[in-house]
Amino acid sequence: MIRVPSYWESRRDLRYYGEVVLLARAHVPAGRSVLDVGANETEVLERLEWFERRVALDVNEIPPRAGVETVAADFNEFEPAERFDLVLCLQVLEHL
């Protein structure tokens, strides 16, 4: 049987994600918290290791990841207790 790669597996090496990390490092080098809205199964937050708090938010359950908080919630109803230094929304808008 042929194994079909997951969405993230087929996209993890795209230059787009590397550029996101480079831009985050350039513009938020001392950032403490980052939120990835619509994170699904992407592993971009793992690449932003200098952030103390990394939160993946998705309307669906997200598999647990080391060093990343996962929140299953609708962003329109999400009310964080504190502000984030960086908020990402990658590969989401085209699905709305």
C-alpha atoms as a PDB file:
ATOM      1  CA  MET A   1       0.000   0.000   0.000  1.00  0.00           C
ATOM      2  CA  ILE A   2       1.270   3.468  -0.878  1.00  0.00           C
ATOM      3  CA  ARG A   3       1.576   5.803   2.073  1.00  0.00           C
ATOM      4  CA  VAL A   4       0.313   9.310   1.371  1.00  0.00           C
ATOM      5  CA  PRO A   5       2.281  11.975   3.248  1.00  0.00           C
ATOM      6  CA  SER A   6       0.340  14.194   5.630  1.00  0.00           C
ATOM      7  CA  TYR A   7      -0.311  17.830   4.799  1.00  0.00           C
ATOM      8  CA  TRP A   8       2.647  18.951   6.917  1.00  0.00           C
ATOM      9  CA  GLU A   9       4.984  16.217   5.684  1.00  0.00           C
ATOM     10  CA  SER A  10       4.399  17.313   2.112  1.00  0.00           C
ATOM     11  CA  ARG A  11       5.009  20.990   2.946  1.00  0.00           C
ATOM     12  CA  ARG A  12       7.569  21.110   5.796  1.00  0.00           C
ATOM     13  CA  ASP A  13      10.477  21.961   3.504  1.00  0.00           C
ATOM     14  CA  LEU A  14       8.767  24.821   1.694  1.00  0.00           C
ATOM     15  CA  ARG A  15      10.811  28.018   1.644  1.00  0.00           C
ATOM     16  CA  TYR A  16       7.710  29.837   2.905  1.00  0.00           C
ATOM     17  CA  TYR A  17       8.030  28.335   6.381  1.00  0.00           C
ATOM     18  CA  GLY A  18      11.732  29.079   6.553  1.00  0.00           C
ATOM     19  CA  GLU A  19      11.017  32.703   5.656  1.00  0.00           C
ATOM     20  CA  VAL A  20       8.432  32.897   8.450  1.00  0.00           C
ATOM     21  CA  VAL A  21      11.107  31.822  10.933  1.00  0.00           C
ATOM     22  CA  LEU A  22      13.654  34.294   9.519  1.00  0.00           C
ATOM     23  CA  LEU A  23      11.150  37.164   9.691  1.00  0.00           C
ATOM     24  CA  ALA A  24      10.147  36.250  13.238  1.00  0.00           C
ATOM     25  CA  ARG A  25      13.795  36.183  14.320  1.00  0.00           C
ATOM     26  CA  ALA A  26      14.470  39.537  12.626  1.00  0.00           C
ATOM     27  CA  HIS A  27      11.394  41.356  13.935  1.00  0.00           C
ATOM     28  CA  VAL A  28      10.717  39.673  17.293  1.00  0.00           C
ATOM     29  CA  PRO A  29      14.142  38.469  18.485  1.00  0.00           C
ATOM     30  CA  ALA A  30      13.273  39.034  22.137  1.00  0.00           C
ATOM     31  CA  GLY A  31       9.727  37.721  21.824  1.00  0.00           C
ATOM     32  CA  ARG A  32       8.439  35.704  24.745  1.00  0.00           C
ATOM     33  CA  SER A  33       5.132  34.388  23.394  1.00  0.00           C
ATOM     34  CA  VAL A  34       3.803  33.311  20.006  1.00  0.00           C
ATOM     35  CA  LEU A  35       0.362  32.106  18.908  1.00  0.00           C
ATOM     36  CA  ASP A  36      -0.199  30.119  15.708  1.00  0.00           C
ATOM     37  CA  VAL A  37      -3.863  30.450  14.684  1.00  0.00           C
ATOM     38  CA  GLY A  38      -5.108  27.551  12.583  1.00  0.00           C
ATOM     39  CA  ALA A  39      -1.964  25.589  13.408  1.00  0.00           C
ATOM     40  CA  ASN A  40      -3.397  22.168  12.639  1.00  0.00           C
ATOM     41  CA  GLU A  41      -0.459  19.776  12.271  1.00  0.00           C
ATOM     42  CA  THR A  42       2.233  22.248  11.217  1.00  0.00           C
ATOM     43  CA  GLU A  43       5.449  22.283  13.188  1.00  0.00           C
ATOM     44  CA  VAL A  44       6.410  25.904  12.635  1.00  0.00           C
ATOM     45  CA  LEU A  45       6.229  26.626  16.362  1.00  0.00           C
ATOM     46  CA  GLU A  46       8.950  24.076  17.019  1.00  0.00           C
ATOM     47  CA  ARG A  47      11.252  26.196  14.852  1.00  0.00           C
ATOM     48  CA  LEU A  48      10.557  29.290  16.980  1.00  0.00           C
ATOM     49  CA  GLU A  49      12.431  27.838  19.941  1.00  0.00           C
ATOM     50  CA  TRP A  50      13.516  31.203  21.405  1.00  0.00           C
ATOM     51  CA  PHE A  51       9.925  31.975  22.429  1.00  0.00           C
ATOM     52  CA  GLU A  52       9.266  30.856  26.014  1.00  0.00           C
ATOM     53  CA  ARG A  53       5.569  30.269  25.342  1.00  0.00           C
ATOM     54  CA  ARG A  54       4.404  28.740  22.075  1.00  0.00           C
ATOM     55  CA  VAL A  55       0.679  28.133  21.570  1.00  0.00           C
ATOM     56  CA  ALA A  56      -0.964  26.257  18.692  1.00  0.00           C
ATOM     57  CA  LEU A  57      -4.659  27.097  18.252  1.00  0.00           C
ATOM     58  CA  ASP A  58      -6.994  25.231  15.953  1.00  0.00           C
ATOM     59  CA  VAL A  59     -10.708  24.537  15.792  1.00  0.00           C
ATOM     60  CA  ASN A  60      -9.805  20.823  15.743  1.00  0.00           C
ATOM     61  CA  GLU A  61      -7.778  18.851  18.274  1.00  0.00           C
ATOM     62  CA  ILE A  62      -4.037  19.189  17.742  1.00  0.00           C
ATOM     63  CA  PRO A  63      -1.611  16.371  18.526  1.00  0.00           C
ATOM     64  CA  PRO A  64       0.544  17.187  21.574  1.00  0.00           C
ATOM     65  CA  ARG A  65       3.999  18.599  20.883  1.00  0.00           C
ATOM     66  CA  ALA A  66       6.960  19.031  23.184  1.00  0.00           C
ATOM     67  CA  GLY A  67       7.246  22.635  24.341  1.00  0.00           C
ATOM     68  CA  VAL A  68       4.020  23.736  22.630  1.00  0.00           C
ATOM     69  CA  GLU A  69       0.668  24.352  24.295  1.00  0.00           C
ATOM     70  CA  THR A  70      -2.253  23.172  22.180  1.00  0.00           C
ATOM     71  CA  VAL A  71      -5.690  24.759  22.312  1.00  0.00           C
ATOM     72  CA  ALA A  72      -8.744  23.397  20.511  1.00  0.00           C
ATOM     73  CA  ALA A  73     -10.995  26.432  20.071  1.00  0.00           C
ATOM     74  CA  ASP A  74     -12.561  28.722  17.515  1.00  0.00           C
ATOM     75  CA  PHE A  75     -10.329  31.787  17.159  1.00  0.00           C
ATOM     76  CA  ASN A  76     -13.406  34.041  17.040  1.00  0.00           C
ATOM     77  CA  GLU A  77     -14.285  32.878  20.550  1.00  0.00           C
ATOM     78  CA  PHE A  78     -10.740  32.541  21.922  1.00  0.00           C
ATOM     79  CA  GLU A  79     -10.014  34.929  24.783  1.00  0.00           C
ATOM     80  CA  PRO A  80      -6.390  34.618  25.894  1.00  0.00           C
ATOM     81  CA  ALA A  81      -5.502  35.741  29.399  1.00  0.00           C
ATOM     82  CA  GLU A  82      -2.543  37.714  28.060  1.00  0.00           C
ATOM     83  CA  ARG A  83      -1.280  39.266  24.854  1.00  0.00           C
ATOM     84  CA  PHE A  84       1.134  37.528  22.473  1.00  0.00           C
ATOM     85  CA  ASP A  85       4.284  39.099  21.053  1.00  0.00           C
ATOM     86  CA  LEU A  86       3.722  37.400  17.707  1.00  0.00           C
ATOM     87  CA  VAL A  87       0.587  35.938  16.131  1.00  0.00           C
ATOM     88  CA  LEU A  88       0.836  33.739  13.056  1.00  0.00           C
ATOM     89  CA  CYS A  89      -1.979  32.740  10.729  1.00  0.00           C
ATOM     90  CA  LEU A  90      -0.313  30.605   8.078  1.00  0.00           C
ATOM     91  CA  GLN A  91      -2.084  28.779   5.263  1.00  0.00           C
ATOM     92  CA  VAL A  92      -5.494  29.580   6.799  1.00  0.00           C
ATOM     93  CA  LEU A  93      -7.248  32.391   4.961  1.00  0.00           C
ATOM     94  CA  GLU A  94      -7.647  30.440   1.733  1.00  0.00           C
ATOM     95  CA  HIS A  95      -9.717  27.861   3.653  1.00  0.00           C
ATOM     96  CA  LEU A  96     -12.278  30.397   4.908  1.00  0.00           C
END
